[in-house]
Amino acid sequence: MKREIHKKEEGFVLVVVAVLLVVLIAFVALGVDVGVLYSARTSAQEAADAAALAGAFTFISNPNAAQPATATTHATQVAVNNSIFGQAIAAGQVNVTVDIANKRVTVDIANTQNTYFARVFGTLTADIGVHAVAEASTEAVQGIVKPWFVPNSVFASPKADCTACNAPQQLLITTTEPHVMTDWAKTKVGKSFTVKPQSPNGAIAPGQFYAIDLPDSHGGNDYRTNIATNSNATVRCAQNYSVLTGNKVGPTKQGVDDLLGKPPTDTWVGPGQYQTPSGLSDVSKALVLAPIWDSCAAPFCPGNNFPSGTNVNLKVLGFAVLFLDGLQGSDVKAHFITATGCGEADADEITGSSVLSLPLRLVRVP
């Protein structure tokens, strides 16, 4: 009698173990497949973020580019250059939407991944969908700059002359709010100009060579370092900064050579196109940011009165994106790319930065 009961118990345990094994496999399937799919989604999200940023960056790298075609092409290309678990993302899996007015690019990626343990239950695949939005803000708050200031009237004739203030179409940025890039400035995209003259004949006033005294900068060595690398000092919109007097021919040349190479490794092809050692690219180490000086503000205007000496303060009206060509003859030359005016928003409200330290950012919209 006892032996029969024992056999019945063995049969019951076998059934329980079989049921628990199925449950255990289900949990393994859930754990493994969910983990794999989560990793796949993370890879897809990174690809979408990079694609959205690449699309939005075209509004900065070439403000005259045909939109939305340019942003769409760049965003799609970056997306398909990425992969998920070694499998390239197909162009058909990428959807790009461009909001030209807000300089905003939205990228959606839909991808299908195979499952593993979940196949036991008939679930062979799982769909992944990610969403990313990036924008190139129409206004700036702060930037990490090179130690040169660009007059708002840099392309007027003569440069930094108050007569341009009576013809706003000859200014890079409007002097009234909102401070935006002028239509006239857009016609100057790609134009070459002298950023820093080396000859005394190019000085704006005795001892004044368009150099700015960046915060926490002391002497020629810091000036050279701020050219060759990114300064730790942040220049903020609507703030006043002192000029840096003296020609500093040697530190200028050394800093430019340190940054660009001797001869420069990157060369200008056109707006948004630069020849680099890795091939044609829309980014380059020669892309730099410089503060735009409100050259129509007192005491400089009226009267074209740029004082000499160190007690000269400049108000930052915005930022200019430049492609630094290097030394040509005795002067530092650059191509003008775009300008961004100062906004009213606080720095905490406009966050994120690109390689240019301009407000290129990922955003979350309702």
Protein backbone atom coordinates (compact mmCIF):
# COMPACT_ATOMS: atom_id res chain seq x y z
CA MET A 1 0.00 0.00 0.00
CA LYS A 2 2.78 2.44 0.95
CA ARG A 3 4.69 1.57 -2.23
CA GLU A 4 1.68 2.50 -4.41
CA ILE A 5 1.37 5.88 -2.66
CA HIS A 6 5.06 6.52 -3.21
CA LYS A 7 4.71 5.80 -6.95
CA LYS A 8 1.78 8.22 -7.15
CA GLU A 9 3.90 10.91 -5.45
CA GLU A 10 6.69 10.35 -7.97
CA GLY A 11 4.25 10.86 -10.81
CA PHE A 12 2.97 14.08 -9.25
CA VAL A 13 6.48 15.47 -8.84
CA LEU A 14 7.23 14.68 -12.47
CA VAL A 15 4.17 16.64 -13.62
CA VAL A 16 5.06 19.60 -11.37
CA VAL A 17 8.65 19.63 -12.65
CA ALA A 18 7.41 19.56 -16.26
CA VAL A 19 5.06 22.49 -15.62
CA LEU A 20 7.73 24.46 -13.78
CA LEU A 21 10.19 23.76 -16.60
CA VAL A 22 7.80 25.34 -19.08
CA VAL A 23 7.41 28.36 -16.78
CA LEU A 24 11.18 28.55 -16.33
CA ILE A 25 11.73 28.49 -20.09
CA ALA A 26 9.15 31.25 -20.44
CA PHE A 27 11.03 33.41 -17.95
CA VAL A 28 14.32 32.68 -19.72
CA ALA A 29 12.71 33.65 -23.01
CA LEU A 30 11.39 36.83 -21.45
CA GLY A 31 14.73 37.70 -19.87
CA VAL A 32 16.94 36.92 -22.85
CA ASP A 33 14.71 38.25 -25.61
CA VAL A 34 13.72 41.40 -23.73
CA GLY A 35 17.40 42.07 -23.00
CA VAL A 36 18.36 41.54 -26.63
CA LEU A 37 15.52 43.69 -27.90
CA TYR A 38 16.36 46.43 -25.41
CA SER A 39 19.97 46.45 -26.64
CA ALA A 40 18.74 46.56 -30.23
CA ARG A 41 16.46 49.47 -29.40
CA THR A 42 19.37 51.32 -27.77
CA SER A 43 21.45 50.90 -30.93
CA ALA A 44 18.54 52.08 -33.06
CA GLN A 45 18.00 55.11 -30.83
CA GLU A 46 21.66 56.08 -31.08
CA ALA A 47 21.43 55.85 -34.86
CA ALA A 48 18.26 57.97 -34.91
CA ASP A 49 19.82 60.60 -32.63
CA ALA A 50 22.95 60.82 -34.78
CA ALA A 51 20.85 61.05 -37.95
CA ALA A 52 18.63 63.81 -36.56
CA LEU A 53 21.66 65.82 -35.43
CA ALA A 54 23.31 65.38 -38.84
CA GLY A 55 20.19 66.64 -40.58
CA ALA A 56 19.82 69.65 -38.28
CA PHE A 57 23.52 70.45 -38.63
CA THR A 58 23.00 71.24 -42.32
CA PHE A 59 21.15 74.41 -41.27
CA ILE A 60 24.42 75.54 -39.66
CA SER A 61 27.00 74.16 -42.08
CA ASN A 62 25.29 75.64 -45.15
CA PRO A 63 22.43 78.07 -44.49
CA ASN A 64 21.82 78.43 -48.23
CA ALA A 65 21.41 74.69 -48.83
CA ALA A 66 18.23 73.50 -50.53
CA GLN A 67 15.89 72.32 -47.81
CA PRO A 68 14.38 69.94 -46.90
CA ALA A 69 16.34 67.86 -49.41
CA THR A 70 19.77 68.50 -47.85
CA ALA A 71 18.73 67.71 -44.29
CA THR A 72 16.84 64.62 -45.43
CA THR A 73 19.81 63.30 -47.42
CA HIS A 74 22.30 63.82 -44.60
CA ALA A 75 20.03 62.34 -41.95
CA THR A 76 19.25 59.28 -44.05
CA GLN A 77 22.90 58.72 -44.94
CA VAL A 78 23.99 58.80 -41.31
CA ALA A 79 21.19 56.43 -40.33
CA VAL A 80 22.06 53.80 -42.97
CA ASN A 81 25.74 54.04 -42.04
CA ASN A 82 24.78 52.58 -38.67
CA SER A 83 23.86 49.02 -37.86
CA ILE A 84 21.92 47.04 -35.27
CA PHE A 85 23.67 43.87 -34.13
CA GLY A 86 25.83 43.97 -37.25
CA GLN A 87 22.89 44.35 -39.61
CA ALA A 88 22.88 47.61 -41.55
CA ILE A 89 19.84 49.84 -41.25
CA ALA A 90 18.03 49.99 -44.59
CA ALA A 91 16.91 53.26 -46.12
CA GLY A 92 13.34 51.95 -46.18
CA GLN A 93 13.43 51.69 -42.39
CA VAL A 94 14.20 55.41 -42.01
CA ASN A 95 11.65 58.21 -42.18
CA VAL A 96 12.87 61.82 -42.05
CA THR A 97 10.67 64.88 -41.54
CA VAL A 98 12.10 68.41 -41.79
CA ASP A 99 10.55 71.51 -40.23
CA ILE A 100 12.36 74.27 -42.13
CA ALA A 101 10.90 77.19 -40.16
CA ASN A 102 12.15 75.81 -36.83
CA LYS A 103 15.30 74.19 -38.29
CA ARG A 104 14.08 70.92 -36.79
CA VAL A 105 14.66 67.39 -38.11
CA THR A 106 12.71 64.34 -36.97
CA VAL A 107 13.96 60.81 -37.63
CA ASP A 108 11.93 57.63 -37.09
CA ILE A 109 13.51 54.21 -37.51
CA ALA A 110 11.43 51.03 -37.67
CA ASN A 111 13.38 47.77 -37.40
CA THR A 112 12.46 44.10 -37.03
CA GLN A 113 14.59 41.78 -34.89
CA ASN A 114 14.52 37.99 -34.59
CA THR A 115 13.72 36.43 -31.24
CA TYR A 116 15.44 33.45 -29.63
CA PHE A 117 13.74 31.55 -26.80
CA ALA A 118 10.41 33.19 -27.57
CA ARG A 119 10.27 31.11 -30.75
CA VAL A 120 9.14 28.23 -28.57
CA PHE A 121 5.87 30.11 -28.10
CA GLY A 122 5.50 31.05 -31.77
CA THR A 123 6.93 34.60 -31.52
CA LEU A 124 9.54 34.66 -34.26
CA THR A 125 10.19 38.41 -34.55
CA ALA A 126 9.62 41.67 -32.67
CA ASP A 127 9.28 45.19 -34.07
CA ILE A 128 11.38 48.08 -32.74
CA GLY A 129 10.48 51.72 -33.26
CA VAL A 130 12.55 54.75 -32.19
CA HIS A 131 12.02 58.49 -32.54
CA ALA A 132 14.54 61.37 -32.44
CA VAL A 133 14.19 65.13 -32.91
CA ALA A 134 17.06 67.59 -33.28
CA GLU A 135 17.13 71.28 -34.04
CA ALA A 136 19.58 74.02 -34.85
CA SER A 137 18.34 76.85 -32.68
CA THR A 138 17.77 80.19 -34.35
CA GLU A 139 19.39 81.97 -31.41
CA ALA A 140 22.50 81.56 -29.28
CA VAL A 141 23.35 82.13 -25.65
CA GLN A 142 27.03 81.25 -25.31
CA GLY A 143 29.89 79.67 -27.17
CA ILE A 144 33.47 78.44 -26.95
CA VAL A 145 35.28 80.75 -29.35
CA LYS A 146 38.61 81.57 -30.89
CA PRO A 147 40.22 84.76 -29.51
CA TRP A 148 39.21 87.02 -32.39
CA PHE A 149 36.17 89.23 -32.76
CA VAL A 150 34.30 89.69 -36.01
CA PRO A 151 32.76 93.14 -36.63
CA ASN A 152 29.06 92.93 -37.42
CA SER A 153 29.90 95.07 -40.46
CA VAL A 154 32.86 92.93 -41.53
CA PHE A 155 31.75 92.76 -45.18
CA ALA A 156 30.81 96.41 -45.42
CA SER A 157 33.09 98.81 -47.20
CA PRO A 158 35.11 99.94 -45.37
CA LYS A 159 35.10 97.22 -42.71
CA ALA A 160 33.93 98.17 -39.22
CA ASP A 161 32.69 101.51 -40.48
CA CYS A 162 29.64 103.20 -38.93
CA THR A 163 28.16 103.98 -42.32
CA ALA A 164 27.06 100.35 -42.49
CA CYS A 165 24.87 100.92 -39.44
CA ASN A 166 22.63 103.13 -41.56
CA ALA A 167 22.30 100.33 -44.10
CA PRO A 168 21.30 97.24 -42.09
CA GLN A 169 21.58 95.08 -45.17
CA GLN A 170 25.36 95.41 -44.75
CA LEU A 171 25.37 93.80 -41.30
CA LEU A 172 25.69 90.12 -40.42
CA ILE A 173 23.06 90.25 -37.66
CA THR A 174 20.20 92.66 -37.12
CA THR A 175 20.88 95.10 -34.28
CA THR A 176 17.23 95.08 -33.19
CA GLU A 177 15.48 92.12 -31.59
CA PRO A 178 15.15 89.43 -32.59
CA HIS A 179 18.82 89.32 -33.53
CA VAL A 180 18.87 87.16 -36.64
CA MET A 181 21.16 86.66 -39.59
CA THR A 182 20.33 89.18 -42.31
CA ASP A 183 19.40 88.19 -45.84
CA TRP A 184 22.40 90.22 -47.01
CA ALA A 185 24.69 88.08 -44.83
CA LYS A 186 23.35 84.95 -46.53
CA THR A 187 24.74 86.29 -49.79
CA LYS A 188 28.18 86.34 -48.15
CA VAL A 189 28.20 82.64 -47.24
CA GLY A 190 31.48 81.21 -48.54
CA LYS A 191 33.15 84.61 -48.84
CA SER A 192 36.76 84.80 -47.68
CA PHE A 193 37.95 87.61 -45.40
CA THR A 194 40.76 88.52 -43.01
CA VAL A 195 40.03 87.41 -39.46
CA LYS A 196 43.28 88.59 -37.93
CA PRO A 197 45.63 90.97 -39.77
CA GLN A 198 49.32 90.54 -39.06
CA SER A 199 50.51 93.77 -40.62
CA PRO A 200 50.16 97.03 -38.65
CA ASN A 201 48.45 98.45 -41.74
CA GLY A 202 45.49 96.16 -41.02
CA ALA A 203 44.99 97.26 -37.43
CA ILE A 204 41.59 98.74 -36.59
CA ALA A 205 43.39 101.22 -34.29
CA PRO A 206 46.92 101.48 -32.92
CA GLY A 207 47.66 98.17 -31.17
CA GLN A 208 44.22 96.74 -32.02
CA PHE A 209 44.25 93.61 -34.20
CA TYR A 210 40.72 92.21 -33.74
CA ALA A 211 41.79 90.09 -30.75
CA ILE A 212 39.59 89.48 -27.70
CA ASP A 213 40.86 88.97 -24.17
CA LEU A 214 39.09 85.74 -23.22
CA PRO A 215 38.26 85.09 -19.56
CA ASP A 216 41.02 83.27 -17.65
CA SER A 217 43.50 84.03 -20.43
CA HIS A 218 46.86 85.53 -19.55
CA GLY A 219 49.48 86.49 -22.10
CA GLY A 220 50.71 85.13 -25.39
CA ASN A 221 50.89 81.47 -24.36
CA ASP A 222 47.19 81.36 -23.40
CA TYR A 223 46.33 83.27 -26.58
CA ARG A 224 48.19 80.67 -28.65
CA THR A 225 46.53 77.81 -26.75
CA ASN A 226 43.07 79.31 -27.26
CA ILE A 227 43.69 79.24 -31.01
CA ALA A 228 45.11 75.72 -31.09
CA THR A 229 42.53 74.16 -28.78
CA ASN A 230 39.16 74.95 -27.26
CA SER A 231 39.35 77.54 -24.53
CA ASN A 232 37.88 76.66 -21.16
CA ALA A 233 36.33 80.12 -21.06
CA THR A 234 32.79 80.54 -22.32
CA VAL A 235 31.79 83.77 -24.03
CA ARG A 236 28.19 84.73 -23.35
CA CYS A 237 25.77 86.73 -25.43
CA ALA A 238 25.09 90.40 -24.68
CA GLN A 239 28.15 90.55 -22.38
CA ASN A 240 31.08 92.95 -22.73
CA TYR A 241 34.61 91.63 -23.18
CA SER A 242 37.90 93.49 -23.31
CA VAL A 243 40.07 93.64 -26.39
CA LEU A 244 43.52 92.05 -26.35
CA THR A 245 46.09 94.56 -27.50
CA GLY A 246 49.28 93.86 -29.37
CA ASN A 247 49.94 92.21 -32.71
CA LYS A 248 51.12 88.81 -31.35
CA VAL A 249 52.42 87.71 -34.73
CA GLY A 250 54.34 84.70 -33.40
CA PRO A 251 51.64 83.24 -31.10
CA THR A 252 49.05 83.71 -33.84
CA LYS A 253 51.08 81.79 -36.40
CA GLN A 254 51.99 79.07 -33.90
CA GLY A 255 48.41 78.62 -32.72
CA VAL A 256 47.02 78.46 -36.25
CA ASP A 257 49.67 75.93 -37.33
CA ASP A 258 48.98 73.83 -34.23
CA LEU A 259 45.27 73.76 -35.01
CA LEU A 260 45.31 73.26 -38.77
CA GLY A 261 48.66 71.61 -39.45
CA LYS A 262 51.49 72.95 -41.54
CA PRO A 263 50.39 72.95 -44.28
CA PRO A 264 46.70 72.71 -43.29
CA THR A 265 45.35 69.18 -43.57
CA ASP A 266 41.76 70.34 -44.26
CA THR A 267 40.83 72.57 -47.17
CA TRP A 268 37.73 74.47 -48.23
CA VAL A 269 35.62 72.97 -51.02
CA GLY A 270 32.36 74.82 -50.46
CA PRO A 271 29.77 75.51 -47.76
CA GLY A 272 29.31 72.27 -45.87
CA GLN A 273 32.06 70.51 -47.86
CA TYR A 274 35.64 70.21 -46.68
CA GLN A 275 38.45 68.02 -47.91
CA THR A 276 39.99 66.16 -44.97
CA PRO A 277 42.51 63.30 -44.73
CA SER A 278 39.50 60.97 -44.39
CA GLY A 279 37.85 62.33 -47.53
CA LEU A 280 35.10 64.82 -48.26
CA SER A 281 33.25 65.75 -45.06
CA ASP A 282 30.76 68.26 -43.65
CA VAL A 283 32.80 68.62 -40.44
CA SER A 284 36.38 69.73 -39.96
CA LYS A 285 38.79 70.81 -37.26
CA ALA A 286 39.04 74.07 -39.20
CA LEU A 287 35.43 74.94 -38.33
CA VAL A 288 35.61 77.54 -35.57
CA LEU A 289 33.39 79.97 -33.73
CA ALA A 290 34.10 83.67 -33.23
CA PRO A 291 32.06 86.30 -31.35
CA ILE A 292 30.41 89.00 -33.42
CA TRP A 293 31.06 92.49 -32.08
CA ASP A 294 28.25 95.03 -32.09
CA SER A 295 30.18 97.53 -34.20
CA CYS A 296 27.24 99.96 -34.22
CA ALA A 297 27.25 100.43 -30.44
CA ALA A 298 28.73 103.41 -28.58
CA PRO A 299 31.45 104.59 -28.17
CA PHE A 300 32.38 103.32 -31.62
CA CYS A 301 29.44 104.86 -33.45
CA PRO A 302 28.80 107.48 -34.54
CA GLY A 303 32.19 108.66 -35.59
CA ASN A 304 34.11 105.43 -36.28
CA ASN A 305 35.80 105.96 -32.94
CA PHE A 306 37.65 102.78 -32.02
CA PRO A 307 39.75 103.77 -28.99
CA SER A 308 43.30 102.58 -28.51
CA GLY A 309 44.61 101.00 -25.34
CA THR A 310 43.35 98.16 -23.16
CA ASN A 311 40.28 99.88 -21.71
CA VAL A 312 38.07 98.92 -24.66
CA ASN A 313 35.06 96.66 -24.17
CA LEU A 314 33.10 94.92 -26.91
CA LYS A 315 29.51 93.73 -26.67
CA VAL A 316 28.80 90.27 -28.10
CA LEU A 317 25.86 90.40 -30.49
CA GLY A 318 26.10 86.82 -31.74
CA PHE A 319 28.48 84.24 -33.14
CA ALA A 320 29.99 83.61 -36.56
CA VAL A 321 30.82 80.13 -37.84
CA LEU A 322 34.00 80.23 -39.87
CA PHE A 323 36.17 77.82 -41.82
CA LEU A 324 39.70 78.79 -40.89
CA ASP A 325 41.93 78.61 -43.98
CA GLY A 326 45.12 79.55 -42.16
CA LEU A 327 47.81 82.08 -42.90
CA GLN A 328 47.71 83.50 -46.39
CA GLY A 329 50.48 85.96 -46.92
CA SER A 330 50.75 87.59 -43.51
CA ASP A 331 47.07 87.47 -42.52
CA VAL A 332 44.80 84.85 -41.00
CA LYS A 333 42.04 84.12 -43.51
CA ALA A 334 38.69 82.38 -43.13
CA HIS A 335 35.52 81.62 -45.07
CA PHE A 336 32.27 82.89 -43.60
CA ILE A 337 29.63 80.17 -43.15
CA THR A 338 26.81 81.48 -40.99
CA ALA A 339 25.88 83.76 -38.11
CA THR A 340 23.62 83.22 -35.12
CA GLY A 341 22.27 86.14 -33.12
CA CYS A 342 21.87 86.42 -29.38
CA GLY A 343 18.53 85.35 -27.99
CA GLU A 344 16.65 86.46 -24.92
CA ALA A 345 16.49 82.96 -23.43
CA ASP A 346 18.60 82.00 -20.45
CA ALA A 347 21.49 79.60 -20.97
CA ASP A 348 19.62 76.96 -19.00
CA GLU A 349 16.78 77.15 -21.50
CA ILE A 350 18.94 76.74 -24.60
CA THR A 351 21.23 73.81 -23.95
CA GLY A 352 23.23 71.35 -25.95
CA SER A 353 26.06 72.04 -28.31
CA SER A 354 27.57 70.91 -31.57
CA VAL A 355 31.19 70.71 -32.57
CA LEU A 356 30.88 74.46 -33.00
CA SER A 357 29.42 75.04 -29.53
CA LEU A 358 26.31 76.43 -31.14
CA PRO A 359 22.89 75.34 -29.89
CA LEU A 360 22.50 72.19 -31.97
CA ARG A 361 20.58 69.82 -29.74
CA LEU A 362 18.30 66.88 -29.35
CA VAL A 363 14.86 67.92 -28.16
CA ARG A 364 11.75 66.24 -26.83
CA VAL A 365 8.56 67.66 -28.24
CA PRO A 366 4.97 66.89 -27.12
